[in-house]
């Protein structure tokens, strides 16, 4: 079986603990991170790097290997979707995951994470970014509730969406389908 990206849940906010255990077992995984706004700790201002979405972890492995690891990491659970009357693990296509990691991997504060129900991609324009650090990323140019300008949204279907910082229109190419 090939390596696949699985969307998983590490219950009770243990996604970083699961990430450490998986990496120690030689399994590639990804937890989107963000910096929390400035907080006071011991009278000093600081920023703290924390998971952007609690309980969410992406695991890149063979399904059987993950199943075996789940026996020792009881709080690591499959995110599932209905298929033919049963629930099956959600598999994220490699290309979608590469784009998601490219966008979220730098942990900058310009990203807005969205629940799939918050975004109607039908109202947006499919685009491709040309140039810059996000060259080649495809998404939807759409207005996000609570934000002034339209943004590029990259969606992992049924799991999560991320709205990028505002991108100048000269870097956007409309995808004709």
N, C-alpha and C. Protein backbone atom coordinates (compact mmCIF):
# COMPACT_ATOMS: atom_id res chain seq x y z
N UNK A 1 0.84 -1.20 0.00
CA UNK A 1 0.00 0.00 0.00
C UNK A 1 0.88 1.25 0.00
N UNK A 2 0.45 2.28 -0.73
CA UNK A 2 1.24 3.51 -0.78
C UNK A 2 1.06 4.36 0.47
N UNK A 3 1.98 5.31 0.64
CA UNK A 3 1.83 6.28 1.72
C UNK A 3 0.69 7.22 1.35
N UNK A 4 -0.13 7.56 2.34
CA UNK A 4 -1.25 8.46 2.13
C UNK A 4 -1.32 9.43 3.30
N UNK A 5 -1.94 10.59 3.05
CA UNK A 5 -2.19 11.55 4.12
C UNK A 5 -3.57 11.27 4.71
N UNK A 6 -3.60 10.99 6.01
CA UNK A 6 -4.86 10.77 6.72
C UNK A 6 -5.13 11.95 7.64
N UNK A 7 -6.37 12.44 7.62
CA UNK A 7 -6.80 13.46 8.57
C UNK A 7 -7.24 12.72 9.82
N UNK A 8 -6.65 13.13 10.96
CA UNK A 8 -6.95 12.42 12.20
C UNK A 8 -7.20 13.40 13.33
N UNK A 9 -7.73 12.89 14.40
CA UNK A 9 -8.00 13.67 15.60
C UNK A 9 -7.20 13.09 16.75
N UNK A 10 -6.57 13.98 17.50
CA UNK A 10 -5.92 13.58 18.75
C UNK A 10 -6.75 14.24 19.85
N UNK A 11 -7.62 13.48 20.45
CA UNK A 11 -8.62 14.02 21.37
C UNK A 11 -8.00 14.73 22.56
N UNK A 12 -8.80 15.62 23.14
CA UNK A 12 -8.45 16.38 24.33
C UNK A 12 -7.16 17.20 24.15
N UNK A 13 -7.02 17.79 22.96
CA UNK A 13 -5.92 18.70 22.65
C UNK A 13 -4.54 18.05 22.80
N UNK A 14 -4.44 16.80 22.42
CA UNK A 14 -3.15 16.10 22.54
C UNK A 14 -2.47 15.94 21.17
N UNK A 15 -2.75 16.86 20.25
CA UNK A 15 -2.17 16.76 18.91
C UNK A 15 -0.64 16.86 18.92
N UNK A 16 -0.07 17.69 19.79
CA UNK A 16 1.39 17.81 19.83
C UNK A 16 2.03 16.58 20.46
N UNK A 17 1.37 16.01 21.45
CA UNK A 17 1.86 14.77 22.06
C UNK A 17 1.84 13.64 21.02
N UNK A 18 0.74 13.55 20.27
CA UNK A 18 0.64 12.53 19.22
C UNK A 18 1.70 12.75 18.15
N UNK A 19 1.94 14.01 17.78
CA UNK A 19 2.95 14.33 16.77
C UNK A 19 4.33 13.85 17.21
N UNK A 20 4.67 14.09 18.45
CA UNK A 20 5.97 13.64 18.99
C UNK A 20 6.07 12.12 18.94
N UNK A 21 5.03 11.42 19.39
CA UNK A 21 5.05 9.96 19.38
C UNK A 21 5.16 9.40 17.96
N UNK A 22 4.42 10.00 17.02
CA UNK A 22 4.47 9.54 15.63
C UNK A 22 5.84 9.79 15.01
N UNK A 23 6.40 10.97 15.24
CA UNK A 23 7.72 11.28 14.69
C UNK A 23 8.79 10.37 15.29
N UNK A 24 8.68 10.04 16.57
CA UNK A 24 9.62 9.11 17.21
C UNK A 24 9.51 7.72 16.60
N UNK A 25 8.34 7.39 16.05
CA UNK A 25 8.14 6.10 15.39
C UNK A 25 8.50 6.16 13.90
N UNK A 26 9.01 7.31 13.45
CA UNK A 26 9.43 7.46 12.06
C UNK A 26 8.30 7.77 11.10
N UNK A 27 7.16 8.25 11.63
CA UNK A 27 5.99 8.58 10.81
C UNK A 27 5.94 10.08 10.59
N UNK A 28 5.83 10.49 9.32
CA UNK A 28 5.70 11.91 9.00
C UNK A 28 4.30 12.38 9.38
N UNK A 29 4.21 13.54 9.99
CA UNK A 29 2.91 14.10 10.33
C UNK A 29 2.99 15.62 10.31
N UNK A 30 1.83 16.26 10.35
CA UNK A 30 1.77 17.71 10.28
C UNK A 30 0.63 18.23 11.14
N UNK A 31 0.95 19.23 11.97
CA UNK A 31 -0.04 19.94 12.76
C UNK A 31 0.09 21.42 12.38
N UNK A 32 -0.97 22.02 11.81
CA UNK A 32 -0.88 23.45 11.50
C UNK A 32 -0.75 24.26 12.79
N UNK A 33 0.19 25.20 12.79
CA UNK A 33 0.48 25.98 13.99
C UNK A 33 0.26 27.46 13.72
N UNK A 34 0.05 28.21 14.80
CA UNK A 34 -0.07 29.67 14.70
C UNK A 34 0.48 30.30 15.98
N UNK A 35 0.84 31.56 15.87
CA UNK A 35 1.26 32.30 17.05
C UNK A 35 0.05 32.93 17.69
N UNK A 36 -0.08 32.73 19.00
CA UNK A 36 -1.16 33.36 19.75
C UNK A 36 -0.82 34.83 19.89
N UNK A 37 -1.85 35.67 20.01
CA UNK A 37 -1.59 37.08 20.24
C UNK A 37 -0.73 37.28 21.49
N UNK A 38 -0.14 38.43 21.60
CA UNK A 38 0.76 38.73 22.71
C UNK A 38 0.05 38.45 24.03
N UNK A 39 0.72 37.71 24.91
CA UNK A 39 0.17 37.39 26.22
C UNK A 39 1.14 37.83 27.30
N UNK A 40 0.65 37.93 28.51
CA UNK A 40 1.52 38.30 29.64
C UNK A 40 1.94 37.04 30.38
N UNK A 41 3.22 36.84 30.52
CA UNK A 41 3.77 35.73 31.30
C UNK A 41 4.87 36.29 32.18
N UNK A 42 4.71 36.17 33.47
CA UNK A 42 5.70 36.68 34.42
C UNK A 42 6.02 38.15 34.17
N UNK A 43 4.98 38.91 33.77
CA UNK A 43 5.17 40.33 33.55
C UNK A 43 5.78 40.70 32.21
N UNK A 44 6.04 39.73 31.35
CA UNK A 44 6.65 39.99 30.04
C UNK A 44 5.66 39.65 28.94
N UNK A 45 5.76 40.41 27.86
CA UNK A 45 4.93 40.11 26.69
C UNK A 45 5.64 39.06 25.85
N UNK A 46 4.84 38.13 25.30
CA UNK A 46 5.42 37.10 24.45
C UNK A 46 4.37 36.55 23.50
N UNK A 47 4.84 35.83 22.51
CA UNK A 47 3.95 35.12 21.60
C UNK A 47 4.20 33.64 21.81
N UNK A 48 3.14 32.86 21.69
CA UNK A 48 3.26 31.43 21.90
C UNK A 48 2.79 30.68 20.66
N UNK A 49 3.60 29.73 20.21
CA UNK A 49 3.25 28.92 19.05
C UNK A 49 2.38 27.76 19.52
N UNK A 50 1.14 27.69 19.00
CA UNK A 50 0.17 26.68 19.43
C UNK A 50 -0.51 26.08 18.20
N UNK A 51 -1.13 24.92 18.36
CA UNK A 51 -1.89 24.36 17.23
C UNK A 51 -2.99 25.33 16.78
N UNK A 52 -3.10 25.51 15.47
CA UNK A 52 -4.10 26.42 14.92
C UNK A 52 -5.52 25.87 15.06
N UNK A 53 -5.64 24.55 15.00
CA UNK A 53 -6.94 23.89 15.13
C UNK A 53 -6.75 22.75 16.12
N UNK A 54 -7.43 22.84 17.24
CA UNK A 54 -7.24 21.82 18.26
C UNK A 54 -7.71 20.45 17.80
N UNK A 55 -6.96 19.44 18.19
CA UNK A 55 -7.24 18.02 17.96
C UNK A 55 -6.93 17.55 16.55
N UNK A 56 -6.55 18.43 15.62
CA UNK A 56 -6.33 18.05 14.23
C UNK A 56 -4.86 17.73 13.96
N UNK A 57 -4.63 16.58 13.35
CA UNK A 57 -3.28 16.17 12.95
C UNK A 57 -3.39 15.39 11.64
N UNK A 58 -2.43 15.61 10.77
CA UNK A 58 -2.39 14.89 9.49
C UNK A 58 -1.23 13.91 9.55
N UNK A 59 -1.47 12.68 9.16
CA UNK A 59 -0.48 11.61 9.27
C UNK A 59 -0.21 11.05 7.88
N UNK A 60 1.08 10.97 7.52
CA UNK A 60 1.50 10.47 6.19
C UNK A 60 2.11 9.09 6.37
N UNK A 61 1.33 8.08 6.09
CA UNK A 61 1.79 6.70 6.32
C UNK A 61 0.87 5.73 5.58
N UNK A 62 1.18 4.47 5.71
CA UNK A 62 0.29 3.42 5.20
C UNK A 62 -0.80 3.20 6.24
N UNK A 63 -2.00 2.89 5.77
CA UNK A 63 -3.13 2.75 6.68
C UNK A 63 -2.86 1.67 7.74
N UNK A 64 -2.26 0.57 7.33
CA UNK A 64 -1.97 -0.50 8.30
C UNK A 64 -0.99 -0.06 9.38
N UNK A 65 0.00 0.76 9.00
CA UNK A 65 0.96 1.27 9.99
C UNK A 65 0.28 2.18 11.01
N UNK A 66 -0.63 3.02 10.51
CA UNK A 66 -1.36 3.90 11.42
C UNK A 66 -2.26 3.08 12.34
N UNK A 67 -2.91 2.08 11.78
CA UNK A 67 -3.78 1.22 12.58
C UNK A 67 -2.99 0.55 13.71
N UNK A 68 -1.80 0.11 13.39
CA UNK A 68 -0.93 -0.52 14.40
C UNK A 68 -0.54 0.49 15.49
N UNK A 69 -0.18 1.71 15.09
CA UNK A 69 0.20 2.74 16.07
C UNK A 69 -0.98 3.16 16.94
N UNK A 70 -2.18 3.14 16.37
CA UNK A 70 -3.36 3.53 17.14
C UNK A 70 -3.57 2.63 18.36
N UNK A 71 -3.06 1.42 18.30
CA UNK A 71 -3.20 0.51 19.45
C UNK A 71 -2.46 1.04 20.68
N UNK A 72 -1.34 1.74 20.45
CA UNK A 72 -0.58 2.28 21.58
C UNK A 72 -0.87 3.76 21.84
N UNK A 73 -1.55 4.42 20.90
CA UNK A 73 -1.94 5.82 21.08
C UNK A 73 -3.47 5.87 21.00
N UNK A 74 -4.12 5.52 22.10
CA UNK A 74 -5.57 5.34 22.11
C UNK A 74 -6.34 6.61 21.75
N UNK A 75 -5.78 7.77 22.03
CA UNK A 75 -6.49 9.02 21.76
C UNK A 75 -6.34 9.49 20.31
N UNK A 76 -5.61 8.78 19.48
CA UNK A 76 -5.48 9.11 18.07
C UNK A 76 -6.62 8.42 17.32
N UNK A 77 -7.49 9.21 16.71
CA UNK A 77 -8.69 8.68 16.07
C UNK A 77 -8.75 9.09 14.61
N UNK A 78 -9.33 8.24 13.78
CA UNK A 78 -9.55 8.57 12.38
C UNK A 78 -10.61 9.66 12.28
N UNK A 79 -10.45 10.60 11.35
CA UNK A 79 -11.56 11.44 10.92
C UNK A 79 -12.16 10.67 9.76
N UNK A 80 -13.46 10.51 9.76
CA UNK A 80 -14.09 9.63 8.76
C UNK A 80 -15.12 10.37 7.93
N UNK A 81 -15.48 9.72 6.83
CA UNK A 81 -16.54 10.21 5.96
C UNK A 81 -17.41 9.02 5.57
N UNK A 82 -18.70 9.26 5.35
CA UNK A 82 -19.57 8.15 4.96
C UNK A 82 -19.29 7.71 3.52
N UNK A 83 -19.30 6.39 3.31
CA UNK A 83 -19.11 5.83 1.98
C UNK A 83 -19.76 4.46 1.94
N UNK A 84 -20.71 4.27 1.05
CA UNK A 84 -21.42 3.00 0.90
C UNK A 84 -21.97 2.46 2.23
N UNK A 85 -22.58 3.33 3.01
CA UNK A 85 -23.21 2.90 4.24
C UNK A 85 -22.28 2.66 5.41
N UNK A 86 -20.99 2.99 5.26
CA UNK A 86 -20.06 2.85 6.39
C UNK A 86 -19.14 4.06 6.40
N UNK A 87 -18.44 4.23 7.51
CA UNK A 87 -17.50 5.35 7.63
C UNK A 87 -16.10 4.87 7.31
N UNK A 88 -15.40 5.63 6.45
CA UNK A 88 -14.04 5.29 6.08
C UNK A 88 -13.13 6.46 6.44
N UNK A 89 -11.84 6.20 6.70
CA UNK A 89 -10.91 7.28 7.03
C UNK A 89 -10.81 8.30 5.89
N UNK A 90 -10.70 9.57 6.27
CA UNK A 90 -10.53 10.64 5.27
C UNK A 90 -9.08 10.64 4.80
N UNK A 91 -8.91 10.53 3.49
CA UNK A 91 -7.59 10.58 2.88
C UNK A 91 -7.49 11.89 2.12
N UNK A 92 -6.43 12.65 2.40
CA UNK A 92 -6.21 13.93 1.73
C UNK A 92 -5.25 13.69 0.57
N UNK A 93 -5.63 14.07 -0.66
CA UNK A 93 -4.72 13.90 -1.79
C UNK A 93 -3.38 14.60 -1.56
N UNK A 94 -2.30 13.99 -2.04
CA UNK A 94 -0.95 14.53 -1.84
C UNK A 94 -0.85 15.98 -2.28
N UNK A 95 -1.37 16.30 -3.46
CA UNK A 95 -1.28 17.68 -3.98
C UNK A 95 -1.98 18.66 -3.05
N UNK A 96 -3.16 18.32 -2.56
CA UNK A 96 -3.89 19.20 -1.64
C UNK A 96 -3.10 19.40 -0.35
N UNK A 97 -2.50 18.33 0.16
CA UNK A 97 -1.74 18.42 1.40
C UNK A 97 -0.48 19.25 1.20
N UNK A 98 0.19 19.09 0.06
CA UNK A 98 1.39 19.89 -0.23
C UNK A 98 1.06 21.38 -0.23
N UNK A 99 -0.06 21.74 -0.85
CA UNK A 99 -0.47 23.15 -0.88
C UNK A 99 -0.81 23.64 0.52
N UNK A 100 -1.53 22.83 1.29
CA UNK A 100 -1.92 23.20 2.65
C UNK A 100 -0.68 23.42 3.51
N UNK A 101 0.30 22.53 3.42
CA UNK A 101 1.53 22.67 4.20
C UNK A 101 2.30 23.90 3.76
N UNK A 102 2.35 24.15 2.45
CA UNK A 102 3.06 25.32 1.93
C UNK A 102 2.48 26.60 2.52
N UNK A 103 1.17 26.66 2.61
CA UNK A 103 0.50 27.86 3.11
C UNK A 103 0.60 27.99 4.62
N UNK A 104 0.37 26.90 5.33
CA UNK A 104 0.29 26.97 6.80
C UNK A 104 1.61 26.70 7.49
N UNK A 105 2.60 26.22 6.76
CA UNK A 105 3.85 25.80 7.38
C UNK A 105 4.68 26.89 8.00
N UNK A 106 4.48 28.15 7.61
CA UNK A 106 5.33 29.20 8.17
C UNK A 106 4.74 29.84 9.43
N UNK A 107 3.56 29.42 9.86
CA UNK A 107 2.94 29.83 11.13
C UNK A 107 2.73 31.33 11.24
N UNK A 108 2.59 32.05 10.13
CA UNK A 108 2.42 33.50 10.25
C UNK A 108 1.01 33.83 10.74
N UNK A 109 0.84 35.03 11.23
CA UNK A 109 -0.43 35.43 11.82
C UNK A 109 -1.45 35.92 10.81
N UNK A 110 -1.18 35.83 9.53
CA UNK A 110 -2.06 36.36 8.50
C UNK A 110 -3.12 35.37 8.05
N UNK A 111 -3.10 34.15 8.56
CA UNK A 111 -4.02 33.11 8.11
C UNK A 111 -5.28 33.10 8.96
N UNK A 112 -6.39 32.76 8.31
CA UNK A 112 -7.66 32.57 9.01
C UNK A 112 -8.11 31.15 8.73
N UNK A 113 -8.29 30.36 9.79
CA UNK A 113 -8.73 28.97 9.63
C UNK A 113 -10.25 28.94 9.67
N UNK A 114 -10.83 28.17 8.76
CA UNK A 114 -12.28 28.15 8.58
C UNK A 114 -12.83 26.74 8.63
N UNK A 115 -14.00 26.61 9.23
CA UNK A 115 -14.73 25.35 9.20
C UNK A 115 -15.36 25.25 7.81
N UNK A 116 -15.46 24.05 7.22
CA UNK A 116 -16.02 23.93 5.87
C UNK A 116 -17.40 24.57 5.70
N UNK A 117 -18.21 24.60 6.75
CA UNK A 117 -19.55 25.19 6.67
C UNK A 117 -19.52 26.72 6.57
N UNK A 118 -18.38 27.33 6.88
CA UNK A 118 -18.26 28.78 6.87
C UNK A 118 -18.01 29.35 5.47
N UNK A 119 -17.70 28.51 4.52
CA UNK A 119 -17.28 28.98 3.20
C UNK A 119 -18.14 28.35 2.11
N UNK A 120 -18.65 29.19 1.22
CA UNK A 120 -19.37 28.70 0.04
C UNK A 120 -18.47 28.97 -1.16
N UNK A 121 -17.70 27.97 -1.55
CA UNK A 121 -16.74 28.14 -2.64
C UNK A 121 -17.41 28.40 -3.97
N UNK A 122 -18.70 28.09 -4.10
CA UNK A 122 -19.42 28.33 -5.35
C UNK A 122 -19.51 29.82 -5.65
N UNK A 123 -19.42 30.66 -4.62
CA UNK A 123 -19.52 32.10 -4.80
C UNK A 123 -18.19 32.74 -5.18
N UNK A 124 -17.13 31.97 -5.17
CA UNK A 124 -15.82 32.51 -5.45
C UNK A 124 -15.33 32.22 -6.86
N UNK A 125 -14.12 32.66 -7.14
CA UNK A 125 -13.48 32.47 -8.43
C UNK A 125 -12.28 31.55 -8.26
N UNK A 126 -12.20 30.44 -9.00
CA UNK A 126 -11.03 29.56 -8.90
C UNK A 126 -9.80 30.29 -9.46
N UNK A 127 -8.70 30.26 -8.69
CA UNK A 127 -7.49 30.98 -9.10
C UNK A 127 -6.24 30.14 -8.85
N UNK A 128 -5.15 30.59 -9.46
CA UNK A 128 -3.82 30.03 -9.22
C UNK A 128 -2.91 31.22 -8.91
N UNK A 129 -2.04 31.06 -7.92
CA UNK A 129 -1.10 32.11 -7.56
C UNK A 129 0.14 31.97 -8.44
N UNK A 130 0.56 33.09 -9.01
CA UNK A 130 1.74 33.12 -9.88
C UNK A 130 2.82 33.96 -9.21
N UNK A 131 3.90 33.33 -8.80
CA UNK A 131 5.01 34.06 -8.19
C UNK A 131 4.94 34.08 -6.68
N UNK A 132 6.04 34.49 -6.10
CA UNK A 132 6.13 34.59 -4.64
C UNK A 132 6.25 33.23 -3.99
N UNK A 133 6.20 33.20 -2.66
CA UNK A 133 6.37 31.93 -1.94
C UNK A 133 5.26 30.92 -2.16
N UNK A 134 4.11 31.38 -2.63
CA UNK A 134 2.97 30.49 -2.85
C UNK A 134 2.74 30.18 -4.32
N UNK A 135 3.75 30.35 -5.12
CA UNK A 135 3.67 30.10 -6.56
C UNK A 135 3.08 28.71 -6.83
N UNK A 136 2.04 28.67 -7.69
CA UNK A 136 1.43 27.40 -8.06
C UNK A 136 0.28 26.95 -7.19
N UNK A 137 0.08 27.59 -6.05
CA UNK A 137 -1.02 27.20 -5.16
C UNK A 137 -2.34 27.57 -5.82
N UNK A 138 -3.29 26.64 -5.77
CA UNK A 138 -4.62 26.87 -6.33
C UNK A 138 -5.64 26.97 -5.22
N UNK A 139 -6.58 27.87 -5.38
CA UNK A 139 -7.62 28.06 -4.37
C UNK A 139 -8.79 28.79 -4.97
N UNK A 140 -9.58 29.41 -4.10
CA UNK A 140 -10.75 30.17 -4.51
C UNK A 140 -10.63 31.58 -3.95
N UNK A 141 -10.81 32.57 -4.83
CA UNK A 141 -10.76 33.97 -4.44
C UNK A 141 -12.18 34.35 -4.03
N UNK A 142 -12.35 34.67 -2.73
CA UNK A 142 -13.70 34.82 -2.19
C UNK A 142 -13.70 35.80 -1.03
N UNK A 143 -14.86 36.39 -0.78
CA UNK A 143 -15.04 37.27 0.37
C UNK A 143 -15.30 36.41 1.60
N UNK A 144 -14.54 36.66 2.65
CA UNK A 144 -14.68 35.93 3.91
C UNK A 144 -15.43 36.82 4.91
N UNK A 145 -16.46 36.27 5.54
CA UNK A 145 -17.24 37.02 6.52
C UNK A 145 -16.32 37.60 7.60
N UNK A 146 -16.49 38.88 7.88
CA UNK A 146 -15.71 39.53 8.92
C UNK A 146 -14.39 40.12 8.44
N UNK A 147 -14.11 39.99 7.15
CA UNK A 147 -12.88 40.55 6.59
C UNK A 147 -13.23 41.49 5.45
N UNK A 148 -12.47 42.53 5.33
CA UNK A 148 -12.78 43.61 4.40
C UNK A 148 -12.64 43.22 2.93
N UNK A 149 -11.54 42.62 2.59
CA UNK A 149 -11.26 42.30 1.19
C UNK A 149 -11.39 40.81 0.93
N UNK A 150 -11.47 40.50 -0.37
CA UNK A 150 -11.52 39.08 -0.75
C UNK A 150 -10.14 38.46 -0.50
N UNK A 151 -10.15 37.16 -0.22
CA UNK A 151 -8.91 36.43 0.06
C UNK A 151 -8.90 35.12 -0.71
N UNK A 152 -7.71 34.56 -0.83
CA UNK A 152 -7.57 33.24 -1.43
C UNK A 152 -7.80 32.21 -0.34
N UNK A 153 -8.73 31.29 -0.58
CA UNK A 153 -9.03 30.21 0.36
C UNK A 153 -8.62 28.89 -0.26
N UNK A 154 -7.85 28.12 0.49
CA UNK A 154 -7.51 26.76 0.09
C UNK A 154 -8.25 25.84 1.05
N UNK A 155 -9.02 24.92 0.48
CA UNK A 155 -9.89 24.06 1.28
C UNK A 155 -9.48 22.61 1.17
N UNK A 156 -9.36 21.95 2.31
CA UNK A 156 -9.23 20.49 2.34
C UNK A 156 -10.66 20.01 2.55
N UNK A 157 -11.24 19.45 1.52
CA UNK A 157 -12.67 19.15 1.50
C UNK A 157 -13.16 18.42 2.75
N UNK A 158 -14.14 19.03 3.38
CA UNK A 158 -14.78 18.43 4.53
C UNK A 158 -13.99 18.49 5.83
N UNK A 159 -12.78 19.07 5.79
CA UNK A 159 -11.94 19.08 6.99
C UNK A 159 -11.73 20.49 7.49
N UNK A 160 -11.07 21.32 6.67
CA UNK A 160 -10.70 22.66 7.09
C UNK A 160 -10.36 23.50 5.86
N UNK A 161 -10.54 24.80 6.02
CA UNK A 161 -10.12 25.74 4.99
C UNK A 161 -9.20 26.76 5.63
N UNK A 162 -8.36 27.35 4.81
CA UNK A 162 -7.48 28.40 5.32
C UNK A 162 -7.52 29.56 4.33
N UNK A 163 -7.80 30.76 4.87
CA UNK A 163 -7.81 31.97 4.07
C UNK A 163 -6.46 32.65 4.25
N UNK A 164 -5.82 32.93 3.14
CA UNK A 164 -4.49 33.52 3.16
C UNK A 164 -4.59 35.03 3.35
N UNK A 165 -3.44 35.63 3.67
CA UNK A 165 -3.36 37.08 3.73
C UNK A 165 -3.73 37.63 2.36
N UNK A 166 -4.08 38.88 2.32
CA UNK A 166 -4.45 39.48 1.04
C UNK A 166 -3.29 39.39 0.07
N UNK A 167 -3.60 38.99 -1.15
CA UNK A 167 -2.60 38.83 -2.20
C UNK A 167 -2.93 39.80 -3.32
N UNK A 168 -1.92 40.47 -3.82
CA UNK A 168 -2.15 41.44 -4.88
C UNK A 168 -2.72 40.75 -6.12
N UNK A 169 -3.71 41.36 -6.76
CA UNK A 169 -4.37 40.73 -7.91
C UNK A 169 -3.44 40.40 -9.07
N UNK A 170 -2.31 41.10 -9.19
CA UNK A 170 -1.40 40.81 -10.31
C UNK A 170 -0.72 39.45 -10.16
N UNK A 171 -0.81 38.83 -8.97
CA UNK A 171 -0.23 37.51 -8.77
C UNK A 171 -1.27 36.39 -8.95
N UNK A 172 -2.50 36.75 -9.31
CA UNK A 172 -3.57 35.78 -9.43
C UNK A 172 -3.93 35.53 -10.88
N UNK A 173 -4.10 34.26 -11.22
CA UNK A 173 -4.54 33.86 -12.55
C UNK A 173 -5.85 33.11 -12.39
N UNK A 174 -6.87 33.50 -13.12
CA UNK A 174 -8.16 32.81 -13.06
C UNK A 174 -8.03 31.47 -13.77
N UNK A 175 -8.52 30.43 -13.12
CA UNK A 175 -8.50 29.08 -13.70
C UNK A 175 -9.81 28.88 -14.43
N UNK A 176 -9.74 28.65 -15.71
CA UNK A 176 -10.92 28.39 -16.53
C UNK A 176 -11.15 26.89 -16.60
N UNK A 177 -12.34 26.46 -16.28
CA UNK A 177 -12.61 25.02 -16.30
C UNK A 177 -13.61 24.67 -17.35
